Amino acid sequence: MTISQSVIDDMLRDTAAEHPEAPALGIIGQAIDFATLDARVHRVANGLLAEGKAGDRIAILGRNSNEQVELMFGILRAGQVVLPVNWRLVAAEIAYILKHSGATRLFVDEAFLPAAEQACADCPMPITVIDRDFATWRDAQSNDPVLRSGAADDVALQMYTSGTTGLPKGVMLTNANVVASVAIFSRPPLDLAPGDVIYAPAPMFHITGIGPVLRMAQSGARLVVSAAFAADEAVRVMARERVSYTTLAPAMIQACLAAPSFADADLSALGVIVYGGAPIAEAVLREATARIGCRFVQCYGLTETTGPITILTPADHAPGRNLLLSCGRAAGDIAIRVVDGNGHDMPPGETGEIIVAGAINMAGYAADAATTSATIRDDWLYTGDAGYLDAEGYLFIRDRVKDMIVSGGENIYPVEVENALLEHGGVADAAVIGVPDDRWGESVLALVVPAADAPEDAQAILDFCRTRIAAYKCPKTIRFTDTIARNAAGKILRREIRKPFWEDRDRLVG
């Protein structure tokens, strides 16, 4: 990345000028080069500017595709705002986002067209079907050069939070936010170059899904997108395409190791797997390291911080470091503090709320000055995550502040209990919540997915748990289940799991 880059579009323009014939987007034998991608982006930008103006919010409702990548960069080149919409939402939720954002244009996959049309009933706008009409629309536009649009402080992405609590919030990320975030990845061990291949299975309505797209433009690597993650197909794609870099949640890594195609897959080109959303179990790391042989990097971040806040490096994953429950140290020039309820710094090892300062912090929440002011105070972004820093500056996440369980006056963080459960060989996955308890206010309940061929022995798991954490933190009840509800980023949908236990209560805490 050159120092002159201040808007996202600079990355693609510079790479297309320096490496015009390098493959940019698509599978082996069908990938377009950077010169072709740049020309297509010109046409998209011209088409959008013929219909609208700089600053317009352009909504995208579709699974990952090459067309969506072209569209995203075309929106940015036009000086407009990319508005990715979660295609898992129902029409009413889509309608809220379109209205709240003030979107003026919608591009949608044909599979989601009925929901889109229903959502647009009260806010009509032009709609183009991506997988049916986009290419024809794009190729009909002018190929005249598009002047450099936008400024560093202009909003480039408006991404809506998952909405697991209340109405979703529109996170406004500027060009400067994104350029600063991508710069973090331009350093070893995350740096890439032409010849590298990026595999992107995470949906592009998440910051985790957009990251690989930006990495392609910044580095000159080839990008292979996936419409949806399926472990067996993911392994086949990574082997066939000679993928060198990918981002997977720990659960995805474990699923790939168990996929039938893994036994015969040649993944020797795979150099780095970046993971996040949760720590990786030591047993999974050992198996993945032995069977794949690549390096592992953990990133912790938020949509509000344009992605990574901390990085746990490959060296930090080494046996004996005892850092797998950490998410690493501050990335780049980011500053991290852990504070109490009054904003005072907590000493090393003491849990409090994690706050962050740096160029990665969002501009704010769209049309929500009150929540913005509550979240960003004196240039520090309050993450809502509970954790602690050790004496060496490694950050350990305990949980979301509001997910804390209070039982008998004691604070219990579900992630800590889940980590203890996941150390048991008979536990494949786990989720911990607080449920009503007439005596203690709340008690700890664990949903456990048993490992393959493991007995459903709740007492053995409880006995094991008591050897890992204090008795008062251990589950009072274990329920076995087939799956744990998670969102597309792999995070536990804790509130969805809690609902049945609290639905007849006036209060959602004990």
Protein backbone atom coordinates (compact mmCIF):
# COMPACT_ATOMS: atom_id res chain seq x y z
CA MET A 1 0.00 0.00 0.00
CA THR A 2 1.41 3.37 -0.98
CA ILE A 3 1.38 6.29 1.40
CA SER A 4 -0.74 8.33 -1.02
CA GLN A 5 -3.74 6.06 -0.59
CA SER A 6 -6.48 7.77 1.39
CA VAL A 7 -9.62 6.23 -0.13
CA ILE A 8 -10.41 2.56 -0.70
CA ASP A 9 -10.56 2.93 -4.47
CA ASP A 10 -6.88 3.96 -4.51
CA MET A 11 -5.95 0.39 -3.60
CA LEU A 12 -7.61 -1.11 -6.67
CA ARG A 13 -6.43 1.65 -9.01
CA ASP A 14 -2.81 1.29 -7.85
CA THR A 15 -2.80 -2.51 -8.06
CA ALA A 16 -4.41 -2.47 -11.52
CA ALA A 17 -1.72 -0.04 -12.69
CA GLU A 18 1.16 -2.03 -11.17
CA HIS A 19 -0.08 -5.58 -11.92
CA PRO A 20 -2.60 -5.29 -14.78
CA GLU A 21 -2.19 -8.88 -15.96
CA ALA A 22 -2.19 -10.53 -12.52
CA PRO A 23 -5.27 -12.71 -11.91
CA ALA A 24 -7.65 -10.86 -9.61
CA LEU A 25 -10.98 -12.57 -9.24
CA GLY A 26 -12.26 -16.07 -9.91
CA ILE A 27 -11.22 -19.71 -10.10
CA ILE A 28 -8.28 -21.16 -12.03
CA GLY A 29 -8.79 -20.85 -15.78
CA GLN A 30 -11.65 -18.38 -15.43
CA ALA A 31 -10.19 -15.56 -13.31
CA ILE A 32 -10.24 -12.02 -14.70
CA ASP A 33 -7.10 -9.93 -14.33
CA PHE A 34 -6.80 -6.61 -12.51
CA ALA A 35 -6.99 -4.58 -15.73
CA THR A 36 -10.32 -6.23 -16.61
CA LEU A 37 -11.64 -5.81 -13.07
CA ASP A 38 -10.67 -2.14 -13.11
CA ALA A 39 -12.44 -1.59 -16.45
CA ARG A 40 -15.60 -3.27 -15.18
CA VAL A 41 -15.51 -1.15 -12.04
CA HIS A 42 -15.30 1.94 -14.30
CA ARG A 43 -18.52 0.90 -16.02
CA VAL A 44 -20.34 0.18 -12.76
CA ALA A 45 -19.33 3.56 -11.35
CA ASN A 46 -20.45 5.38 -14.49
CA GLY A 47 -23.79 3.59 -14.40
CA LEU A 48 -24.39 4.47 -10.77
CA LEU A 49 -23.44 8.12 -11.27
CA ALA A 50 -25.75 8.34 -14.29
CA GLU A 51 -28.61 7.30 -11.99
CA GLY A 52 -27.58 8.99 -8.76
CA LYS A 53 -24.88 11.00 -7.03
CA ALA A 54 -21.94 10.70 -4.66
CA GLY A 55 -22.96 9.81 -1.12
CA ASP A 56 -25.94 7.66 -2.15
CA ARG A 57 -26.42 4.44 -0.17
CA ILE A 58 -26.42 1.48 -2.57
CA ALA A 59 -27.80 -1.71 -1.02
CA ILE A 60 -26.58 -5.20 -1.91
CA LEU A 61 -28.68 -8.24 -0.93
CA GLY A 62 -26.97 -11.37 -2.19
CA ARG A 63 -24.59 -14.21 -1.53
CA ASN A 64 -20.89 -13.76 -2.20
CA SER A 65 -20.16 -13.62 -5.92
CA ASN A 66 -17.69 -12.14 -8.38
CA GLU A 67 -20.39 -9.73 -9.51
CA GLN A 68 -20.85 -8.49 -5.97
CA VAL A 69 -17.12 -7.72 -5.74
CA GLU A 70 -17.28 -5.70 -8.97
CA LEU A 71 -20.36 -3.92 -7.69
CA MET A 72 -18.79 -3.05 -4.35
CA PHE A 73 -15.74 -1.44 -5.94
CA GLY A 74 -17.96 0.34 -8.48
CA ILE A 75 -19.97 1.89 -5.66
CA LEU A 76 -16.77 3.04 -3.97
CA ARG A 77 -15.36 4.46 -7.22
CA ALA A 78 -18.56 6.47 -7.64
CA GLY A 79 -18.01 7.99 -4.20
CA GLN A 80 -21.12 6.25 -2.94
CA VAL A 81 -21.68 4.08 0.14
CA VAL A 82 -21.72 0.27 0.10
CA LEU A 83 -24.70 -1.00 2.12
CA PRO A 84 -24.46 -4.81 2.47
CA VAL A 85 -27.69 -6.38 3.74
CA ASN A 86 -27.87 -9.71 5.53
CA TRP A 87 -29.70 -12.09 3.19
CA ARG A 88 -30.84 -14.19 6.14
CA LEU A 89 -33.19 -11.41 7.26
CA VAL A 90 -36.92 -11.45 6.67
CA ALA A 91 -38.61 -8.78 4.56
CA ALA A 92 -39.59 -6.60 7.53
CA GLU A 93 -36.00 -6.49 8.77
CA ILE A 94 -34.70 -5.68 5.28
CA ALA A 95 -37.29 -2.93 4.99
CA TYR A 96 -36.10 -1.38 8.25
CA ILE A 97 -32.49 -1.24 7.02
CA LEU A 98 -33.42 0.19 3.63
CA LYS A 99 -35.58 2.90 5.21
CA HIS A 100 -33.21 3.69 8.06
CA SER A 101 -30.21 4.01 5.74
CA GLY A 102 -32.00 6.03 3.09
CA ALA A 103 -30.90 3.59 0.39
CA THR A 104 -31.58 4.77 -3.16
CA ARG A 105 -30.75 1.64 -5.16
CA LEU A 106 -30.85 -2.12 -4.58
CA PHE A 107 -28.96 -4.97 -6.21
CA VAL A 108 -30.32 -8.41 -5.24
CA ASP A 109 -29.88 -12.10 -5.99
CA GLU A 110 -32.91 -13.64 -7.69
CA ALA A 111 -33.39 -16.01 -4.74
CA PHE A 112 -34.04 -13.03 -2.47
CA LEU A 113 -36.08 -10.97 -4.93
CA PRO A 114 -39.50 -11.72 -3.37
CA ALA A 115 -38.30 -10.53 0.05
CA ALA A 116 -36.65 -7.50 -1.55
CA GLU A 117 -39.79 -6.50 -3.43
CA GLN A 118 -41.84 -6.87 -0.26
CA ALA A 119 -39.29 -4.80 1.66
CA CYS A 120 -39.38 -2.05 -0.97
CA ALA A 121 -43.16 -1.73 -0.91
CA ASP A 122 -43.00 1.41 1.23
CA CYS A 123 -39.67 2.69 -0.08
CA PRO A 124 -39.61 2.03 -3.84
CA MET A 125 -36.25 2.16 -5.59
CA PRO A 126 -34.62 0.74 -8.73
CA ILE A 127 -33.80 -2.98 -8.35
CA THR A 128 -31.33 -4.98 -10.44
CA VAL A 129 -31.09 -8.77 -10.11
CA ILE A 130 -27.40 -9.56 -9.71
CA ASP A 131 -27.32 -13.12 -11.06
CA ARG A 132 -29.69 -12.37 -13.94
CA ASP A 133 -29.29 -8.79 -15.14
CA PHE A 134 -26.18 -7.26 -13.59
CA ALA A 135 -23.70 -8.14 -16.35
CA THR A 136 -25.99 -6.75 -19.04
CA TRP A 137 -26.56 -3.55 -17.04
CA ARG A 138 -22.81 -3.17 -16.37
CA ASP A 139 -21.74 -3.69 -19.97
CA ALA A 140 -24.25 -1.09 -21.21
CA GLN A 141 -22.53 1.67 -19.21
CA SER A 142 -19.86 4.07 -20.37
CA ASN A 143 -16.22 3.07 -20.02
CA ASP A 144 -15.07 6.68 -19.72
CA PRO A 145 -12.52 7.30 -16.98
CA VAL A 146 -14.06 8.06 -13.60
CA LEU A 147 -12.43 10.86 -11.66
CA ARG A 148 -11.17 10.02 -8.19
CA SER A 149 -14.19 10.31 -5.92
CA GLY A 150 -14.55 10.89 -2.24
CA ALA A 151 -12.31 11.90 0.62
CA ALA A 152 -10.71 10.12 3.54
CA ASP A 153 -13.44 11.18 5.96
CA ASP A 154 -16.34 10.23 3.67
CA VAL A 155 -18.43 7.23 4.73
CA ALA A 156 -17.60 4.28 2.46
CA LEU A 157 -19.37 1.35 4.16
CA GLN A 158 -22.55 1.32 6.21
CA MET A 159 -22.88 -2.06 7.88
CA TYR A 160 -25.78 -3.06 10.07
CA THR A 161 -25.20 -5.03 13.23
CA SER A 162 -26.81 -8.44 13.43
CA GLY A 163 -29.77 -7.19 15.46
CA THR A 164 -29.59 -9.87 18.12
CA THR A 165 -30.68 -7.15 20.58
CA GLY A 166 -33.18 -4.49 19.60
CA LEU A 167 -33.13 -2.76 16.24
CA PRO A 168 -29.95 -3.06 14.17
CA LYS A 169 -27.54 -0.14 14.19
CA GLY A 170 -25.93 1.24 11.05
CA VAL A 171 -22.16 1.35 11.59
CA MET A 172 -20.62 4.08 9.42
CA LEU A 173 -17.05 3.31 8.34
CA THR A 174 -15.05 5.91 6.47
CA ASN A 175 -12.40 5.50 3.79
CA ALA A 176 -9.80 6.39 6.43
CA ASN A 177 -11.15 3.70 8.80
CA VAL A 178 -10.86 1.03 6.11
CA VAL A 179 -7.45 2.11 4.82
CA ALA A 180 -6.11 2.06 8.41
CA SER A 181 -7.56 -1.41 9.00
CA VAL A 182 -6.18 -2.88 5.79
CA ALA A 183 -2.76 -1.43 6.65
CA ILE A 184 -2.70 -3.72 9.70
CA PHE A 185 -2.84 -6.69 7.34
CA SER A 186 -0.02 -5.42 5.14
CA ARG A 187 2.52 -6.45 7.80
CA PRO A 188 3.94 -9.96 8.34
CA PRO A 189 2.63 -12.58 8.94
CA LEU A 190 -0.53 -11.35 7.23
CA ASP A 191 1.06 -9.69 4.20
CA LEU A 192 0.14 -10.99 0.75
CA ALA A 193 1.42 -10.42 -2.79
CA PRO A 194 0.55 -11.25 -6.42
CA GLY A 195 0.61 -15.02 -6.72
CA ASP A 196 -1.12 -15.56 -3.39
CA VAL A 197 -4.68 -16.91 -3.41
CA ILE A 198 -7.32 -15.80 -0.90
CA TYR A 199 -10.35 -17.95 -0.12
CA ALA A 200 -13.35 -15.98 1.19
CA PRO A 201 -16.24 -18.05 2.57
CA ALA A 202 -17.58 -15.49 5.10
CA PRO A 203 -20.60 -13.49 3.86
CA MET A 204 -19.83 -9.98 2.69
CA PHE A 205 -22.50 -8.47 4.90
CA HIS A 206 -19.99 -9.01 7.74
CA ILE A 207 -16.76 -7.05 8.12
CA THR A 208 -15.01 -10.45 8.21
CA GLY A 209 -16.38 -11.16 4.74
CA ILE A 210 -15.44 -7.79 3.25
CA GLY A 211 -11.88 -7.98 4.62
CA PRO A 212 -10.62 -10.56 2.08
CA VAL A 213 -12.08 -8.51 -0.79
CA LEU A 214 -10.12 -5.47 0.37
CA ARG A 215 -6.99 -7.63 0.80
CA MET A 216 -7.23 -8.67 -2.85
CA ALA A 217 -7.25 -5.04 -4.01
CA GLN A 218 -4.49 -4.03 -1.61
CA SER A 219 -2.09 -6.92 -2.28
CA GLY A 220 -2.67 -8.08 -5.85
CA ALA A 221 -3.56 -11.59 -4.70
CA ARG A 222 -6.26 -13.61 -6.47
CA LEU A 223 -9.62 -13.83 -4.69
CA VAL A 224 -11.85 -16.91 -4.74
CA VAL A 225 -15.25 -16.24 -3.20
CA SER A 226 -17.71 -18.79 -1.88
CA ALA A 227 -21.47 -18.30 -1.89
CA ALA A 228 -21.78 -20.23 1.36
CA PHE A 229 -19.54 -22.30 3.61
CA ALA A 230 -19.79 -26.08 3.38
CA ALA A 231 -16.80 -27.88 4.87
CA ASP A 232 -16.38 -30.61 2.27
CA GLU A 233 -16.60 -28.17 -0.64
CA ALA A 234 -14.36 -25.66 1.15
CA VAL A 235 -11.59 -28.25 1.45
CA ARG A 236 -11.94 -29.18 -2.23
CA VAL A 237 -11.79 -25.52 -3.30
CA MET A 238 -8.76 -24.73 -1.15
CA ALA A 239 -6.90 -27.73 -2.58
CA ARG A 240 -7.87 -27.15 -6.21
CA GLU A 241 -7.19 -23.40 -6.17
CA ARG A 242 -3.91 -23.69 -4.23
CA VAL A 243 -5.26 -21.29 -1.60
CA SER A 244 -2.56 -19.68 0.53
CA TYR A 245 -4.70 -17.54 2.88
CA THR A 246 -8.18 -17.83 4.34
CA THR A 247 -10.31 -16.70 7.26
CA LEU A 248 -12.31 -19.35 9.13
CA ALA A 249 -14.09 -19.50 12.47
CA PRO A 250 -12.76 -22.22 14.83
CA ALA A 251 -15.92 -24.25 14.22
CA MET A 252 -15.23 -24.08 10.47
CA ILE A 253 -11.67 -25.31 10.97
CA GLN A 254 -12.95 -28.26 12.98
CA ALA A 255 -15.56 -29.02 10.31
CA CYS A 256 -12.90 -28.99 7.59
CA LEU A 257 -10.76 -31.45 9.53
CA ALA A 258 -13.77 -33.79 9.74
CA ALA A 259 -14.78 -33.39 6.06
CA PRO A 260 -14.54 -36.54 3.89
CA SER A 261 -12.57 -34.64 1.25
CA PHE A 262 -9.84 -33.74 3.76
CA ALA A 263 -8.20 -37.16 3.69
CA ASP A 264 -7.05 -36.78 0.08
CA ALA A 265 -6.74 -32.99 -0.11
CA ASP A 266 -3.40 -31.35 -0.86
CA LEU A 267 -3.42 -28.18 1.25
CA SER A 268 0.34 -27.66 1.13
CA ALA A 269 -0.11 -24.19 -0.39
CA LEU A 270 -2.10 -23.00 2.62
CA GLY A 271 0.21 -20.70 4.58
CA VAL A 272 -2.07 -18.84 7.00
CA ILE A 273 -5.50 -19.39 8.52
CA VAL A 274 -6.92 -16.37 10.31
CA TYR A 275 -9.65 -17.13 12.81
CA GLY A 276 -11.78 -15.14 15.22
CA GLY A 277 -15.04 -14.98 17.11
CA ALA A 278 -13.76 -17.44 19.73
CA PRO A 279 -10.51 -18.99 20.98
CA ILE A 280 -9.43 -22.21 19.32
CA ALA A 281 -9.41 -25.40 21.36
CA GLU A 282 -5.89 -26.68 21.91
CA ALA A 283 -6.80 -30.13 20.60
CA VAL A 284 -8.18 -28.62 17.37
CA LEU A 285 -5.06 -26.47 16.95
CA ARG A 286 -2.79 -29.47 17.45
CA GLU A 287 -4.70 -31.53 14.90
CA ALA A 288 -4.89 -28.70 12.36
CA THR A 289 -1.20 -27.91 12.73
CA ALA A 290 -0.24 -31.56 12.28
CA ARG A 291 -2.56 -32.23 9.35
CA ILE A 292 -2.33 -28.92 7.48
CA GLY A 293 1.00 -27.53 8.65
CA CYS A 294 0.05 -23.87 8.22
CA ARG A 295 0.38 -20.93 10.60
CA PHE A 296 -2.56 -19.70 12.66
CA VAL A 297 -3.46 -16.10 13.51
CA GLN A 298 -6.31 -15.01 15.74
CA CYS A 299 -7.91 -11.58 15.32
CA TYR A 300 -10.34 -9.91 17.67
CA GLY A 301 -12.37 -6.95 16.50
CA LEU A 302 -15.78 -5.42 15.91
CA THR A 303 -17.67 -3.96 13.00
CA GLU A 304 -17.38 -0.67 14.90
CA THR A 305 -13.57 -0.94 14.76
CA THR A 306 -13.46 -1.89 11.06
CA GLY A 307 -12.17 -5.31 12.01
CA PRO A 308 -9.08 -6.25 14.00
CA ILE A 309 -8.18 -4.71 17.34
CA THR A 310 -5.73 -7.39 18.44
CA ILE A 311 -3.66 -10.11 16.78
CA LEU A 312 -2.45 -13.38 18.28
CA THR A 313 0.54 -14.22 16.08
CA PRO A 314 1.76 -17.66 14.97
CA ALA A 315 4.55 -17.41 17.57
CA ASP A 316 1.92 -16.82 20.25
CA HIS A 317 0.31 -20.14 19.26
CA ALA A 318 3.47 -22.09 20.05
CA PRO A 319 3.19 -24.89 22.64
CA GLY A 320 4.13 -23.72 26.09
CA ARG A 321 3.08 -20.10 25.56
CA ASN A 322 -0.32 -20.77 27.20
CA LEU A 323 -1.88 -17.97 25.19
CA LEU A 324 -4.63 -19.77 23.27
CA LEU A 325 -7.32 -18.23 25.46
CA SER A 326 -5.92 -14.78 24.66
CA CYS A 327 -6.84 -12.90 21.50
CA GLY A 328 -3.43 -11.28 21.30
CA ARG A 329 -1.98 -7.82 21.64
CA ALA A 330 -2.98 -4.49 20.12
CA ALA A 331 -2.53 -4.39 16.35
CA GLY A 332 -0.69 -1.56 14.65
CA ASP A 333 -1.10 1.80 16.37
CA ILE A 334 -4.27 0.82 18.22
CA ALA A 335 -4.51 1.64 21.94
CA ILE A 336 -6.42 -0.64 24.33
CA ARG A 337 -7.53 -0.05 27.91
CA VAL A 338 -9.66 -2.05 30.35
CA VAL A 339 -11.79 0.13 32.61
CA ASP A 340 -14.33 -0.12 35.40
CA GLY A 341 -17.82 1.36 35.37
CA ASN A 342 -16.39 4.82 36.12
CA GLY A 343 -13.83 4.72 33.32
CA HIS A 344 -10.87 4.05 35.60
CA ASP A 345 -8.14 1.70 34.38
CA MET A 346 -8.18 -1.79 35.84
CA PRO A 347 -4.90 -3.36 36.98
CA PRO A 348 -3.47 -6.30 34.98
CA GLY A 349 -5.54 -9.44 35.44
CA GLU A 350 -8.66 -7.59 36.58
CA THR A 351 -11.77 -7.77 34.39
CA GLY A 352 -13.49 -4.67 33.08
CA GLU A 353 -14.84 -3.22 29.85
CA ILE A 354 -12.45 -3.11 26.87
CA ILE A 355 -12.12 0.30 25.22
CA VAL A 356 -10.21 1.14 22.06
CA ALA A 357 -8.69 4.22 20.42
CA GLY A 358 -7.26 4.52 16.93
CA ALA A 359 -7.92 5.37 13.29
CA ILE A 360 -10.01 2.21 12.95
CA ASN A 361 -12.86 3.52 15.15
CA MET A 362 -16.07 4.10 13.24
CA ALA A 363 -17.45 7.56 12.44
CA GLY A 364 -20.57 6.64 14.42
CA TYR A 365 -23.99 5.01 14.15
CA ALA A 366 -26.19 6.32 11.35
CA ALA A 367 -29.00 8.59 12.55
CA ASP A 368 -28.28 7.71 16.17
CA ALA A 369 -26.31 10.45 17.88
CA ALA A 370 -27.28 9.28 21.37
CA THR A 371 -25.91 5.76 20.94
CA THR A 372 -22.83 7.12 19.18
CA SER A 373 -22.13 9.43 22.12
CA ALA A 374 -22.59 6.58 24.57
CA THR A 375 -20.24 4.32 22.59
CA ILE A 376 -17.47 6.79 21.68
CA ARG A 377 -16.33 8.99 24.57
CA ASP A 378 -13.27 11.21 24.37
CA ASP A 379 -12.14 9.26 21.27
CA TRP A 380 -12.36 5.91 23.10
CA LEU A 381 -14.78 3.33 21.72
CA TYR A 382 -16.48 1.29 24.45
CA THR A 383 -16.73 -2.21 23.01
CA GLY A 384 -19.25 -3.72 25.41
CA ASP A 385 -16.86 -6.65 25.81
CA ALA A 386 -15.53 -7.71 29.18
CA GLY A 387 -11.93 -8.82 29.52
CA TYR A 388 -8.55 -8.16 31.04
CA LEU A 389 -4.99 -7.34 30.01
CA ASP A 390 -2.09 -9.30 31.44
CA ALA A 391 1.26 -7.77 32.37
CA GLU A 392 2.58 -8.28 28.82
CA GLY A 393 -0.37 -6.55 27.17
CA TYR A 394 -2.17 -9.70 25.99
CA LEU A 395 -5.93 -9.28 25.96
CA PHE A 396 -8.23 -11.99 27.32
CA ILE A 397 -11.95 -11.79 26.52
CA ARG A 398 -14.34 -12.86 29.24
CA ASP A 399 -17.65 -12.09 27.54
CA ARG A 400 -20.00 -9.40 26.43
CA VAL A 401 -20.66 -7.14 29.40
CA LYS A 402 -24.40 -7.59 29.04
CA ASP A 403 -24.13 -11.40 28.76
CA MET A 404 -22.76 -11.66 32.28
CA ILE A 405 -24.59 -14.06 34.60
CA VAL A 406 -25.18 -12.96 38.19
CA SER A 407 -25.76 -15.93 40.47
CA GLY A 408 -25.94 -15.44 44.21
CA GLY A 409 -24.22 -12.07 43.83
CA GLU A 410 -21.29 -13.56 41.91
CA ASN A 411 -20.46 -12.44 38.37
CA ILE A 412 -19.99 -15.32 35.93
CA TYR A 413 -18.79 -14.91 32.35
CA PRO A 414 -20.23 -17.58 29.99
CA VAL A 415 -17.13 -17.72 27.76
CA GLU A 416 -14.98 -18.79 30.69
CA VAL A 417 -17.35 -21.66 31.46
CA GLU A 418 -17.54 -22.62 27.77
CA ASN A 419 -13.76 -22.72 27.53
CA ALA A 420 -13.65 -25.12 30.48
CA LEU A 421 -16.30 -27.35 28.92
CA LEU A 422 -14.53 -27.41 25.56
CA GLU A 423 -11.39 -28.81 27.17
CA HIS A 424 -13.31 -32.03 27.89
CA GLY A 425 -12.71 -34.59 25.16
CA GLY A 426 -16.39 -35.55 25.06
CA VAL A 427 -17.58 -32.01 24.24
CA ALA A 428 -17.62 -30.84 20.61
CA ASP A 429 -19.38 -27.53 21.20
CA ALA A 430 -21.01 -25.68 24.08
CA ALA A 431 -23.04 -22.59 24.93
CA VAL A 432 -23.62 -21.25 28.43
CA ILE A 433 -26.47 -19.00 29.55
CA GLY A 434 -28.06 -17.77 32.72
CA VAL A 435 -31.55 -19.11 33.46
CA PRO A 436 -34.03 -18.06 36.16
CA ASP A 437 -33.35 -19.43 39.62
CA ASP A 438 -35.72 -18.59 42.47
CA ARG A 439 -32.96 -18.93 45.04
CA TRP A 440 -29.88 -17.50 43.31
CA GLY A 441 -31.49 -15.14 40.81
CA GLU A 442 -29.82 -16.91 37.94
CA SER A 443 -28.13 -20.28 37.59
CA VAL A 444 -25.75 -21.52 34.93
CA LEU A 445 -27.09 -23.81 32.21
CA ALA A 446 -24.87 -25.37 29.56
CA LEU A 447 -26.02 -26.67 26.20
CA VAL A 448 -23.51 -29.29 25.08
CA VAL A 449 -22.97 -30.94 21.71
CA PRO A 450 -21.28 -34.28 22.47
CA ALA A 451 -18.23 -35.29 20.47
CA ALA A 452 -18.63 -38.14 17.99
CA ASP A 453 -19.20 -41.47 19.77
CA ALA A 454 -18.88 -39.79 23.19
CA PRO A 455 -21.41 -40.80 25.88
CA GLU A 456 -23.86 -38.18 27.13
CA ASP A 457 -22.41 -38.21 30.62
CA ALA A 458 -23.38 -34.93 32.26
CA GLN A 459 -21.89 -35.83 35.64
CA ALA A 460 -18.49 -36.63 34.15
CA ILE A 461 -18.45 -33.30 32.33
CA LEU A 462 -19.47 -31.44 35.50
CA ASP A 463 -16.78 -33.21 37.52
CA PHE A 464 -14.22 -32.27 34.88
CA CYS A 465 -15.44 -28.68 34.78
CA ARG A 466 -14.93 -28.34 38.53
CA THR A 467 -11.27 -29.14 38.00
CA ARG A 468 -10.92 -26.20 35.62
CA ILE A 469 -12.94 -23.37 37.19
CA ALA A 470 -14.43 -22.44 40.57
CA ALA A 471 -17.48 -24.47 41.61
CA TYR A 472 -19.79 -21.47 41.60
CA LYS A 473 -19.02 -20.91 37.91
CA CYS A 474 -19.79 -24.48 36.89
CA PRO A 475 -23.10 -25.34 35.24
CA LYS A 476 -25.88 -26.39 37.54
CA THR A 477 -27.52 -28.12 34.59
CA ILE A 478 -26.26 -29.64 31.35
CA ARG A 479 -28.55 -30.28 28.41
CA PHE A 480 -27.34 -32.20 25.40
CA THR A 481 -28.21 -30.91 21.94
CA ASP A 482 -27.31 -31.54 18.30
CA THR A 483 -26.29 -27.97 17.42
CA ILE A 484 -25.57 -24.57 18.94
CA ALA A 485 -27.30 -21.58 17.33
CA ARG A 486 -24.70 -19.23 15.84
CA ASN A 487 -24.75 -16.31 13.42
CA ALA A 488 -22.89 -16.23 10.10
CA ALA A 489 -19.73 -15.03 11.84
CA GLY A 490 -19.75 -18.06 14.14
CA LYS A 491 -20.82 -16.19 17.27
CA ILE A 492 -23.25 -17.86 19.67
CA LEU A 493 -26.76 -16.40 19.45
CA ARG A 494 -26.95 -16.31 23.21
CA ARG A 495 -30.08 -14.21 23.44
CA GLU A 496 -31.94 -16.50 21.07
CA ILE A 497 -30.97 -19.46 23.24
CA ARG A 498 -32.05 -17.61 26.38
CA LYS A 499 -35.50 -16.61 25.11
CA PRO A 500 -37.45 -19.80 25.94
CA PHE A 501 -36.21 -19.72 29.53
CA TRP A 502 -37.16 -16.09 30.15
CA GLU A 503 -40.23 -15.55 28.00
CA ASP A 504 -42.67 -15.69 30.94
CA ARG A 505 -40.59 -13.31 33.05
CA ASP A 506 -40.98 -9.55 33.40
CA ARG A 507 -37.20 -9.19 33.71
CA LEU A 508 -34.53 -10.83 31.56
CA VAL A 509 -32.07 -11.12 34.45
CA GLY A 510 -32.36 -12.67 37.87
